[in-house]
Amino acid sequence: MNARYIAPIVEGHGDVAAVPVLLRRIATALRPDVSLQINTPIRVKANRFTKEKSEDFRKYVALASAKRNFLL
């Protein structure tokens, strides 16, 4: 069985609960043979991802990646 890891970055409180459920449903429908490991989403305000704040974007992507590697 193949394993895939996802470290979601979301905006709102509701997204923290909804995104893992949504990703699992999509993955099951498209690739039932793939095991999906989903980290707890990292919640970030939308304005942190604007063009002017590209360092913040990189910081949160690096954080998500580090958390993914920690779970291996």
Foldseek 3Di string as FASTA:
>chain_A
DAEDEDAAEEADPVCQVPVVVVVVVVCCVPPVPYHYHYDRYHHDHPVCVDPVNVVSVVVVVVVSVVVRVVVD
